[in-house]
Amino acid sequence: MQVKIEKVFTIDAPSASAWQFLQDISGVAGCMPGAEITEQVDDNNYKGSVKVKIGPATAAFKGDIEIKGIDADKRELHMLGTGADVKGTSSASMDLVAFVRDGDDGKCELVGNAAVTVNGKMASLGGRMMTQVSDQILKQFGANFANNVMAMGDGAAAEAAASKAAEQPKELNAFGLMWGVVVGFFKGLFGKK
Protein backbone atom coordinates (compact mmCIF):
# COMPACT_ATOMS: atom_id res chain seq x y z
CA MET A 1 0.00 0.00 0.00
CA GLN A 2 1.32 3.45 -0.90
CA VAL A 3 0.36 6.84 0.53
CA LYS A 4 1.54 10.17 -0.91
CA ILE A 5 1.91 13.08 1.47
CA GLU A 6 2.84 16.74 1.10
CA LYS A 7 3.40 18.93 4.16
CA VAL A 8 4.52 22.53 4.61
CA PHE A 9 5.96 23.69 7.93
CA THR A 10 6.48 27.39 8.71
CA ILE A 11 9.61 28.06 10.73
CA ASP A 12 10.31 31.31 12.55
CA ALA A 13 13.91 31.42 11.33
CA PRO A 14 15.82 32.41 8.20
CA SER A 15 15.86 29.93 5.33
CA ALA A 16 19.68 29.71 5.49
CA SER A 17 19.42 28.21 9.00
CA ALA A 18 16.76 25.69 7.95
CA TRP A 19 18.83 24.67 4.91
CA GLN A 20 21.93 24.25 7.07
CA PHE A 21 20.01 21.98 9.45
CA LEU A 22 18.32 20.01 6.62
CA GLN A 23 21.77 18.86 5.49
CA ASP A 24 22.51 17.40 8.95
CA ILE A 25 21.17 13.88 8.36
CA SER A 26 21.63 12.75 11.98
CA GLY A 27 19.95 15.91 13.26
CA VAL A 28 17.03 15.55 10.85
CA ALA A 29 16.60 11.86 11.75
CA GLY A 30 16.56 12.85 15.41
CA CYS A 31 13.52 15.05 14.74
CA MET A 32 11.45 11.92 14.26
CA PRO A 33 10.50 10.73 17.74
CA GLY A 34 12.23 7.44 18.42
CA ALA A 35 14.48 7.58 15.35
CA GLU A 36 18.25 7.71 15.35
CA ILE A 37 21.15 7.15 13.01
CA THR A 38 23.13 4.19 14.33
CA GLU A 39 25.88 4.10 11.70
CA GLN A 40 27.18 6.19 8.83
CA VAL A 41 28.26 3.73 6.13
CA ASP A 42 29.58 6.40 3.74
CA ASP A 43 28.71 9.95 2.63
CA ASN A 44 25.33 8.88 1.22
CA ASN A 45 24.31 5.80 3.22
CA TYR A 46 23.27 5.41 6.83
CA LYS A 47 21.79 2.75 9.08
CA GLY A 48 19.19 3.66 11.65
CA SER A 49 16.46 2.53 13.98
CA VAL A 50 13.05 3.66 15.19
CA LYS A 51 11.39 2.69 18.48
CA VAL A 52 7.61 2.79 18.89
CA LYS A 53 6.11 2.54 22.38
CA ILE A 54 2.64 1.02 22.65
CA GLY A 55 1.71 1.05 26.33
CA PRO A 56 4.31 -0.98 28.22
CA ALA A 57 5.57 -2.69 25.02
CA THR A 58 8.17 -1.28 22.66
CA ALA A 59 8.55 -2.26 19.00
CA ALA A 60 11.81 -1.71 17.13
CA PHE A 61 12.44 -1.13 13.44
CA LYS A 62 15.81 -1.16 11.68
CA GLY A 63 16.58 0.25 8.27
CA ASP A 64 18.73 2.11 5.80
CA ILE A 65 18.76 5.69 4.57
CA GLU A 66 20.22 6.58 1.20
CA ILE A 67 20.82 10.21 0.25
CA LYS A 68 19.82 10.29 -3.41
CA GLY A 69 20.82 13.90 -3.90
CA ILE A 70 21.45 17.31 -2.37
CA ASP A 71 20.83 20.37 -4.55
CA ALA A 72 22.27 23.49 -2.91
CA ASP A 73 20.78 25.81 -5.55
CA LYS A 74 17.25 24.52 -4.87
CA ARG A 75 17.97 23.92 -1.16
CA GLU A 76 16.61 20.44 -1.71
CA LEU A 77 17.34 17.02 -0.20
CA HIS A 78 16.19 13.74 -1.77
CA MET A 79 16.43 10.63 0.36
CA LEU A 80 15.10 7.08 0.42
CA GLY A 81 14.51 5.26 3.68
CA THR A 82 13.70 1.55 3.91
CA GLY A 83 13.21 -0.63 6.94
CA ALA A 84 11.52 -3.57 8.64
CA ASP A 85 10.47 -4.38 12.16
CA VAL A 86 12.85 -6.75 13.91
CA LYS A 87 10.18 -9.50 14.00
CA GLY A 88 9.80 -9.37 10.21
CA THR A 89 6.03 -8.77 10.18
CA SER A 90 6.05 -5.33 8.50
CA SER A 91 8.26 -3.28 6.24
CA ALA A 92 8.11 0.26 4.96
CA SER A 93 9.88 2.65 2.64
CA MET A 94 9.72 6.40 2.23
CA ASP A 95 10.92 8.32 -0.80
CA LEU A 96 11.22 11.91 0.41
CA VAL A 97 12.04 15.17 -1.34
CA ALA A 98 12.31 18.08 1.10
CA PHE A 99 13.26 21.66 0.37
CA VAL A 100 13.47 25.01 2.13
CA ARG A 101 11.99 28.20 0.72
CA ASP A 102 11.83 31.79 1.90
CA GLY A 103 8.67 32.90 3.67
CA ASP A 104 7.31 36.23 4.91
CA ASP A 105 8.70 38.40 7.72
CA GLY A 106 12.05 36.59 8.00
CA LYS A 107 10.41 33.18 8.29
CA CYS A 108 10.90 30.21 6.01
CA GLU A 109 9.07 27.06 5.04
CA LEU A 110 10.13 23.43 4.97
CA VAL A 111 8.23 21.55 2.26
CA GLY A 112 8.19 17.78 2.19
CA ASN A 113 6.80 15.46 -0.48
CA ALA A 114 6.86 11.79 0.44
CA ALA A 115 5.66 8.52 -0.99
CA VAL A 116 5.30 6.02 1.86
CA THR A 117 4.90 2.33 1.01
CA VAL A 118 4.02 -0.22 3.69
CA ASN A 119 3.78 -4.01 3.55
CA GLY A 120 2.79 -6.71 6.01
CA LYS A 121 0.78 -6.06 9.18
CA MET A 122 1.14 -2.29 8.86
CA ALA A 123 -0.57 -2.38 5.45
CA SER A 124 -3.70 -3.83 7.09
CA LEU A 125 -4.43 -0.38 8.57
CA GLY A 126 -5.86 0.75 5.21
CA GLY A 127 -5.15 3.85 3.13
CA ARG A 128 -7.21 6.35 5.11
CA MET A 129 -5.71 5.28 8.43
CA MET A 130 -2.17 5.26 6.98
CA THR A 131 -2.69 8.82 5.70
CA GLN A 132 -3.83 9.98 9.14
CA VAL A 133 -1.00 8.15 10.94
CA SER A 134 1.55 9.59 8.51
CA ASP A 135 0.07 13.07 9.00
CA GLN A 136 0.42 12.83 12.79
CA ILE A 137 4.00 11.56 12.55
CA LEU A 138 4.91 14.41 10.18
CA LYS A 139 3.33 16.98 12.52
CA GLN A 140 5.60 15.77 15.33
CA PHE A 141 8.58 15.77 12.98
CA GLY A 142 7.80 19.31 11.75
CA ALA A 143 7.53 20.72 15.26
CA ASN A 144 10.83 19.09 16.26
CA PHE A 145 12.56 20.28 13.07
CA ALA A 146 11.35 23.85 13.66
CA ASN A 147 12.54 23.81 17.30
CA ASN A 148 15.99 22.60 16.25
CA VAL A 149 16.31 25.28 13.57
CA MET A 150 15.06 28.06 15.85
CA ALA A 151 17.49 26.89 18.56
CA MET A 152 20.33 27.82 16.18
CA GLY A 153 19.46 31.53 16.61
CA ASP A 154 20.07 33.97 19.45
CA GLY A 155 17.99 35.27 22.32
CA ALA A 156 15.13 34.04 24.48
CA ALA A 157 13.21 32.47 21.58
CA ALA A 158 16.26 30.38 20.67
CA GLU A 159 16.66 29.27 24.30
CA ALA A 160 12.99 28.26 24.49
CA ALA A 161 13.27 26.35 21.20
CA ALA A 162 16.45 24.61 22.41
CA SER A 163 14.64 23.53 25.56
CA LYS A 164 11.75 22.11 23.50
CA ALA A 165 14.19 20.36 21.16
CA ALA A 166 15.96 18.76 24.13
CA GLU A 167 12.63 17.53 25.54
CA GLN A 168 11.40 15.83 22.35
CA PRO A 169 10.35 12.21 22.94
CA LYS A 170 12.97 9.49 22.53
CA GLU A 171 10.38 7.08 21.14
CA LEU A 172 7.23 7.42 19.10
CA ASN A 173 4.26 7.19 21.48
CA ALA A 174 1.59 5.18 19.66
CA PHE A 175 -1.16 6.17 22.13
CA GLY A 176 -0.58 9.87 21.48
CA LEU A 177 -0.34 9.14 17.78
CA MET A 178 -3.59 7.16 17.74
CA TRP A 179 -5.38 9.89 19.72
CA GLY A 180 -4.37 12.37 17.00
CA VAL A 181 -5.68 9.93 14.37
CA VAL A 182 -9.03 9.53 16.19
CA VAL A 183 -9.43 13.31 16.51
CA GLY A 184 -8.52 13.71 12.82
CA PHE A 185 -11.06 11.04 11.85
CA PHE A 186 -13.92 12.76 13.67
CA LYS A 187 -12.95 16.18 12.35
CA GLY A 188 -13.01 14.73 8.84
CA LEU A 189 -16.31 12.97 9.51
CA PHE A 190 -18.01 16.18 10.62
CA GLY A 191 -16.33 18.41 8.04
CA LYS A 192 -14.16 20.44 10.44
CA LYS A 193 -10.52 21.16 9.77
C-alpha atoms as a PDB file:
ATOM      1  CA  MET A   1       0.000   0.000   0.000  1.00  0.00           C
ATOM      2  CA  GLN A   2       1.324   3.445  -0.902  1.00  0.00           C
ATOM      3  CA  VAL A   3       0.361   6.838   0.527  1.00  0.00           C
ATOM      4  CA  LYS A   4       1.540  10.170  -0.915  1.00  0.00           C
ATOM      5  CA  ILE A   5       1.915  13.080   1.467  1.00  0.00           C
ATOM      6  CA  GLU A   6       2.838  16.741   1.102  1.00  0.00           C
ATOM      7  CA  LYS A   7       3.402  18.926   4.163  1.00  0.00           C
ATOM      8  CA  VAL A   8       4.519  22.526   4.607  1.00  0.00           C
ATOM      9  CA  PHE A   9       5.961  23.695   7.926  1.00  0.00           C
ATOM     10  CA  THR A  10       6.481  27.391   8.709  1.00  0.00           C
ATOM     11  CA  ILE A  11       9.614  28.057  10.735  1.00  0.00           C
ATOM     12  CA  ASP A  12      10.311  31.310  12.547  1.00  0.00           C
ATOM     13  CA  ALA A  13      13.910  31.421  11.334  1.00  0.00           C
ATOM     14  CA  PRO A  14      15.825  32.407   8.196  1.00  0.00           C
ATOM     15  CA  SER A  15      15.858  29.927   5.330  1.00  0.00           C
ATOM     16  CA  ALA A  16      19.683  29.706   5.488  1.00  0.00           C
ATOM     17  CA  SER A  17      19.422  28.211   8.998  1.00  0.00           C
ATOM     18  CA  ALA A  18      16.765  25.688   7.947  1.00  0.00           C
ATOM     19  CA  TRP A  19      18.831  24.672   4.907  1.00  0.00           C
ATOM     20  CA  GLN A  20      21.930  24.250   7.073  1.00  0.00           C
ATOM     21  CA  PHE A  21      20.014  21.979   9.452  1.00  0.00           C
ATOM     22  CA  LEU A  22      18.317  20.010   6.624  1.00  0.00           C
ATOM     23  CA  GLN A  23      21.769  18.857   5.487  1.00  0.00           C
ATOM     24  CA  ASP A  24      22.515  17.399   8.955  1.00  0.00           C
ATOM     25  CA  ILE A  25      21.167  13.877   8.358  1.00  0.00           C
ATOM     26  CA  SER A  26      21.627  12.747  11.977  1.00  0.00           C
ATOM     27  CA  GLY A  27      19.946  15.905  13.256  1.00  0.00           C
ATOM     28  CA  VAL A  28      17.030  15.549  10.852  1.00  0.00           C
ATOM     29  CA  ALA A  29      16.601  11.856  11.746  1.00  0.00           C
ATOM     30  CA  GLY A  30      16.558  12.852  15.411  1.00  0.00           C
ATOM     31  CA  CYS A  31      13.519  15.047  14.737  1.00  0.00           C
ATOM     32  CA  MET A  32      11.448  11.916  14.258  1.00  0.00           C
ATOM     33  CA  PRO A  33      10.497  10.728  17.745  1.00  0.00           C
ATOM     34  CA  GLY A  34      12.233   7.443  18.421  1.00  0.00           C
ATOM     35  CA  ALA A  35      14.483   7.584  15.351  1.00  0.00           C
ATOM     36  CA  GLU A  36      18.248   7.711  15.347  1.00  0.00           C
ATOM     37  CA  ILE A  37      21.154   7.153  13.012  1.00  0.00           C
ATOM     38  CA  THR A  38      23.130   4.190  14.331  1.00  0.00           C
ATOM     39  CA  GLU A  39      25.877   4.098  11.700  1.00  0.00           C
ATOM     40  CA  GLN A  40      27.176   6.194   8.825  1.00  0.00           C
ATOM     41  CA  VAL A  41      28.259   3.731   6.132  1.00  0.00           C
ATOM     42  CA  ASP A  42      29.582   6.404   3.739  1.00  0.00           C
ATOM     43  CA  ASP A  43      28.708   9.950   2.635  1.00  0.00           C
ATOM     44  CA  ASN A  44      25.335   8.879   1.224  1.00  0.00           C
ATOM     45  CA  ASN A  45      24.313   5.796   3.225  1.00  0.00           C
ATOM     46  CA  TYR A  46      23.274   5.407   6.834  1.00  0.00           C
ATOM     47  CA  LYS A  47      21.793   2.754   9.078  1.00  0.00           C
ATOM     48  CA  GLY A  48      19.192   3.657  11.649  1.00  0.00           C
ATOM     49  CA  SER A  49      16.462   2.535  13.983  1.00  0.00           C
ATOM     50  CA  VAL A  50      13.048   3.656  15.194  1.00  0.00           C
ATOM     51  CA  LYS A  51      11.385   2.685  18.482  1.00  0.00           C
ATOM     52  CA  VAL A  52       7.607   2.786  18.887  1.00  0.00           C
ATOM     53  CA  LYS A  53       6.106   2.543  22.376  1.00  0.00           C
ATOM     54  CA  ILE A  54       2.641   1.023  22.653  1.00  0.00           C
ATOM     55  CA  GLY A  55       1.709   1.053  26.333  1.00  0.00           C
ATOM     56  CA  PRO A  56       4.315  -0.982  28.220  1.00  0.00           C
ATOM     57  CA  ALA A  57       5.571  -2.688  25.020  1.00  0.00           C
ATOM     58  CA  THR A  58       8.173  -1.281  22.655  1.00  0.00           C
ATOM     59  CA  ALA A  59       8.547  -2.261  19.004  1.00  0.00           C
ATOM     60  CA  ALA A  60      11.807  -1.714  17.127  1.00  0.00           C
ATOM     61  CA  PHE A  61      12.439  -1.129  13.445  1.00  0.00           C
ATOM     62  CA  LYS A  62      15.807  -1.156  11.684  1.00  0.00           C
ATOM     63  CA  GLY A  63      16.575   0.245   8.275  1.00  0.00           C
ATOM     64  CA  ASP A  64      18.727   2.106   5.799  1.00  0.00           C
ATOM     65  CA  ILE A  65      18.762   5.689   4.567  1.00  0.00           C
ATOM     66  CA  GLU A  66      20.221   6.584   1.198  1.00  0.00           C
ATOM     67  CA  ILE A  67      20.820  10.209   0.246  1.00  0.00           C
ATOM     68  CA  LYS A  68      19.816  10.291  -3.409  1.00  0.00           C
ATOM     69  CA  GLY A  69      20.823  13.904  -3.904  1.00  0.00           C
ATOM     70  CA  ILE A  70      21.452  17.308  -2.366  1.00  0.00           C
ATOM     71  CA  ASP A  71      20.835  20.370  -4.555  1.00  0.00           C
ATOM     72  CA  ALA A  72      22.266  23.485  -2.905  1.00  0.00           C
ATOM     73  CA  ASP A  73      20.779  25.808  -5.548  1.00  0.00           C
ATOM     74  CA  LYS A  74      17.252  24.523  -4.874  1.00  0.00           C
ATOM     75  CA  ARG A  75      17.969  23.915  -1.158  1.00  0.00           C
ATOM     76  CA  GLU A  76      16.611  20.438  -1.713  1.00  0.00           C
ATOM     77  CA  LEU A  77      17.338  17.022  -0.202  1.00  0.00           C
ATOM     78  CA  HIS A  78      16.191  13.741  -1.770  1.00  0.00           C
ATOM     79  CA  MET A  79      16.429  10.625   0.362  1.00  0.00           C
ATOM     80  CA  LEU A  80      15.105   7.077   0.416  1.00  0.00           C
ATOM     81  CA  GLY A  81      14.511   5.258   3.680  1.00  0.00           C
ATOM     82  CA  THR A  82      13.700   1.549   3.914  1.00  0.00           C
ATOM     83  CA  GLY A  83      13.213  -0.633   6.944  1.00  0.00           C
ATOM     84  CA  ALA A  84      11.525  -3.569   8.638  1.00  0.00           C
ATOM     85  CA  ASP A  85      10.468  -4.376  12.161  1.00  0.00           C
ATOM     86  CA  VAL A  86      12.849  -6.746  13.907  1.00  0.00           C
ATOM     87  CA  LYS A  87      10.180  -9.499  13.996  1.00  0.00           C
ATOM     88  CA  GLY A  88       9.804  -9.371  10.215  1.00  0.00           C
ATOM     89  CA  THR A  89       6.031  -8.773  10.178  1.00  0.00           C
ATOM     90  CA  SER A  90       6.055  -5.334   8.498  1.00  0.00           C
ATOM     91  CA  SER A  91       8.264  -3.280   6.237  1.00  0.00           C
ATOM     92  CA  ALA A  92       8.112   0.255   4.963  1.00  0.00           C
ATOM     93  CA  SER A  93       9.881   2.648   2.643  1.00  0.00           C
ATOM     94  CA  MET A  94       9.724   6.403   2.231  1.00  0.00           C
ATOM     95  CA  ASP A  95      10.923   8.320  -0.802  1.00  0.00           C
ATOM     96  CA  LEU A  96      11.222  11.914   0.407  1.00  0.00           C
ATOM     97  CA  VAL A  97      12.037  15.169  -1.337  1.00  0.00           C
ATOM     98  CA  ALA A  98      12.314  18.079   1.102  1.00  0.00           C
ATOM     99  CA  PHE A  99      13.257  21.663   0.371  1.00  0.00           C
ATOM    100  CA  VAL A 100      13.473  25.008   2.130  1.00  0.00           C
ATOM    101  CA  ARG A 101      11.995  28.204   0.715  1.00  0.00           C
ATOM    102  CA  ASP A 102      11.826  31.792   1.904  1.00  0.00           C
ATOM    103  CA  GLY A 103       8.666  32.900   3.670  1.00  0.00           C
ATOM    104  CA  ASP A 104       7.311  36.225   4.905  1.00  0.00           C
ATOM    105  CA  ASP A 105       8.705  38.398   7.718  1.00  0.00           C
ATOM    106  CA  GLY A 106      12.049  36.590   8.004  1.00  0.00           C
ATOM    107  CA  LYS A 107      10.408  33.178   8.291  1.00  0.00           C
ATOM    108  CA  CYS A 108      10.900  30.206   6.006  1.00  0.00           C
ATOM    109  CA  GLU A 109       9.073  27.062   5.036  1.00  0.00           C
ATOM    110  CA  LEU A 110      10.127  23.432   4.965  1.00  0.00           C
ATOM    111  CA  VAL A 111       8.227  21.553   2.257  1.00  0.00           C
ATOM    112  CA  GLY A 112       8.191  17.777   2.189  1.00  0.00           C
ATOM    113  CA  ASN A 113       6.799  15.462  -0.481  1.00  0.00           C
ATOM    114  CA  ALA A 114       6.858  11.791   0.441  1.00  0.00           C
ATOM    115  CA  ALA A 115       5.657   8.516  -0.993  1.00  0.00           C
ATOM    116  CA  VAL A 116       5.296   6.016   1.860  1.00  0.00           C
ATOM    117  CA  THR A 117       4.898   2.333   1.013  1.00  0.00           C
ATOM    118  CA  VAL A 118       4.024  -0.223   3.689  1.00  0.00           C
ATOM    119  CA  ASN A 119       3.776  -4.009   3.553  1.00  0.00           C
ATOM    120  CA  GLY A 120       2.793  -6.709   6.014  1.00  0.00           C
ATOM    121  CA  LYS A 121       0.783  -6.057   9.180  1.00  0.00           C
ATOM    122  CA  MET A 122       1.137  -2.290   8.861  1.00  0.00           C
ATOM    123  CA  ALA A 123      -0.572  -2.381   5.448  1.00  0.00           C
ATOM    124  CA  SER A 124      -3.696  -3.835   7.088  1.00  0.00           C
ATOM    125  CA  LEU A 125      -4.434  -0.385   8.566  1.00  0.00           C
ATOM    126  CA  GLY A 126      -5.855   0.752   5.213  1.00  0.00           C
ATOM    127  CA  GLY A 127      -5.150   3.847   3.128  1.00  0.00           C
ATOM    128  CA  ARG A 128      -7.212   6.353   5.110  1.00  0.00           C
ATOM    129  CA  MET A 129      -5.712   5.277   8.431  1.00  0.00           C
ATOM    130  CA  MET A 130      -2.171   5.262   6.981  1.00  0.00           C
ATOM    131  CA  THR A 131      -2.687   8.818   5.701  1.00  0.00           C
ATOM    132  CA  GLN A 132      -3.831   9.984   9.143  1.00  0.00           C
ATOM    133  CA  VAL A 133      -1.003   8.146  10.942  1.00  0.00           C
ATOM    134  CA  SER A 134       1.551   9.592   8.513  1.00  0.00           C
ATOM    135  CA  ASP A 135       0.067  13.066   9.004  1.00  0.00           C
ATOM    136  CA  GLN A 136       0.421  12.827  12.790  1.00  0.00           C
ATOM    137  CA  ILE A 137       4.003  11.556  12.548  1.00  0.00           C
ATOM    138  CA  LEU A 138       4.913  14.409  10.177  1.00  0.00           C
ATOM    139  CA  LYS A 139       3.330  16.981  12.519  1.00  0.00           C
ATOM    140  CA  GLN A 140       5.599  15.767  15.327  1.00  0.00           C
ATOM    141  CA  PHE A 141       8.576  15.767  12.979  1.00  0.00           C
ATOM    142  CA  GLY A 142       7.797  19.308  11.745  1.00  0.00           C
ATOM    143  CA  ALA A 143       7.527  20.719  15.263  1.00  0.00           C
ATOM    144  CA  ASN A 144      10.828  19.094  16.263  1.00  0.00           C
ATOM    145  CA  PHE A 145      12.562  20.280  13.074  1.00  0.00           C
ATOM    146  CA  ALA A 146      11.347  23.854  13.661  1.00  0.00           C
ATOM    147  CA  ASN A 147      12.536  23.813  17.297  1.00  0.00           C
ATOM    148  CA  ASN A 148      15.986  22.597  16.253  1.00  0.00           C
ATOM    149  CA  VAL A 149      16.314  25.281  13.565  1.00  0.00           C
ATOM    150  CA  MET A 150      15.058  28.064  15.855  1.00  0.00           C
ATOM    151  CA  ALA A 151      17.491  26.894  18.556  1.00  0.00           C
ATOM    152  CA  MET A 152      20.332  27.822  16.178  1.00  0.00           C
ATOM    153  CA  GLY A 153      19.456  31.529  16.606  1.00  0.00           C
ATOM    154  CA  ASP A 154      20.069  33.974  19.450  1.00  0.00           C
ATOM    155  CA  GLY A 155      17.995  35.269  22.317  1.00  0.00           C
ATOM    156  CA  ALA A 156      15.135  34.038  24.485  1.00  0.00           C
ATOM    157  CA  ALA A 157      13.211  32.468  21.585  1.00  0.00           C
ATOM    158  CA  ALA A 158      16.259  30.375  20.674  1.00  0.00           C
ATOM    159  CA  GLU A 159      16.662  29.267  24.297  1.00  0.00           C
ATOM    160  CA  ALA A 160      12.986  28.261  24.494  1.00  0.00           C
ATOM    161  CA  ALA A 161      13.267  26.349  21.203  1.00  0.00           C
ATOM    162  CA  ALA A 162      16.452  24.614  22.407  1.00  0.00           C
ATOM    163  CA  SER A 163      14.635  23.532  25.565  1.00  0.00           C
ATOM    164  CA  LYS A 164      11.749  22.111  23.504  1.00  0.00           C
ATOM    165  CA  ALA A 165      14.191  20.362  21.156  1.00  0.00           C
ATOM    166  CA  ALA A 166      15.964  18.755  24.126  1.00  0.00           C
ATOM    167  CA  GLU A 167      12.634  17.532  25.535  1.00  0.00           C
ATOM    168  CA  GLN A 168      11.397  15.831  22.351  1.00  0.00           C
ATOM    169  CA  PRO A 169      10.353  12.206  22.940  1.00  0.00           C
ATOM    170  CA  LYS A 170      12.970   9.486  22.527  1.00  0.00           C
ATOM    171  CA  GLU A 171      10.380   7.083  21.143  1.00  0.00           C
ATOM    172  CA  LEU A 172       7.231   7.420  19.095  1.00  0.00           C
ATOM    173  CA  ASN A 173       4.260   7.191  21.480  1.00  0.00           C
ATOM    174  CA  ALA A 174       1.591   5.183  19.665  1.00  0.00           C
ATOM    175  CA  PHE A 175      -1.158   6.174  22.131  1.00  0.00           C
ATOM    176  CA  GLY A 176      -0.581   9.874  21.478  1.00  0.00           C
ATOM    177  CA  LEU A 177      -0.337   9.136  17.780  1.00  0.00           C
ATOM    178  CA  MET A 178      -3.586   7.161  17.741  1.00  0.00           C
ATOM    179  CA  TRP A 179      -5.381   9.895  19.724  1.00  0.00           C
ATOM    180  CA  GLY A 180      -4.373  12.365  16.998  1.00  0.00           C
ATOM    181  CA  VAL A 181      -5.681   9.929  14.373  1.00  0.00           C
ATOM    182  CA  VAL A 182      -9.025   9.533  16.193  1.00  0.00           C
ATOM    183  CA  VAL A 183      -9.432  13.310  16.511  1.00  0.00           C
ATOM    184  CA  GLY A 184      -8.520  13.708  12.819  1.00  0.00           C
ATOM    185  CA  PHE A 185     -11.057  11.041  11.850  1.00  0.00           C
ATOM    186  CA  PHE A 186     -13.921  12.762  13.669  1.00  0.00           C
ATOM    187  CA  LYS A 187     -12.951  16.182  12.346  1.00  0.00           C
ATOM    188  CA  GLY A 188     -13.009  14.734   8.837  1.00  0.00           C
ATOM    189  CA  LEU A 189     -16.313  12.974   9.510  1.00  0.00           C
ATOM    190  CA  PHE A 190     -18.012  16.176  10.619  1.00  0.00           C
ATOM    191  CA  GLY A 191     -16.326  18.408   8.041  1.00  0.00           C
ATOM    192  CA  LYS A 192     -14.165  20.438  10.443  1.00  0.00           C
ATOM    193  CA  LYS A 193     -10.522  21.158   9.773  1.00  0.00           C
END
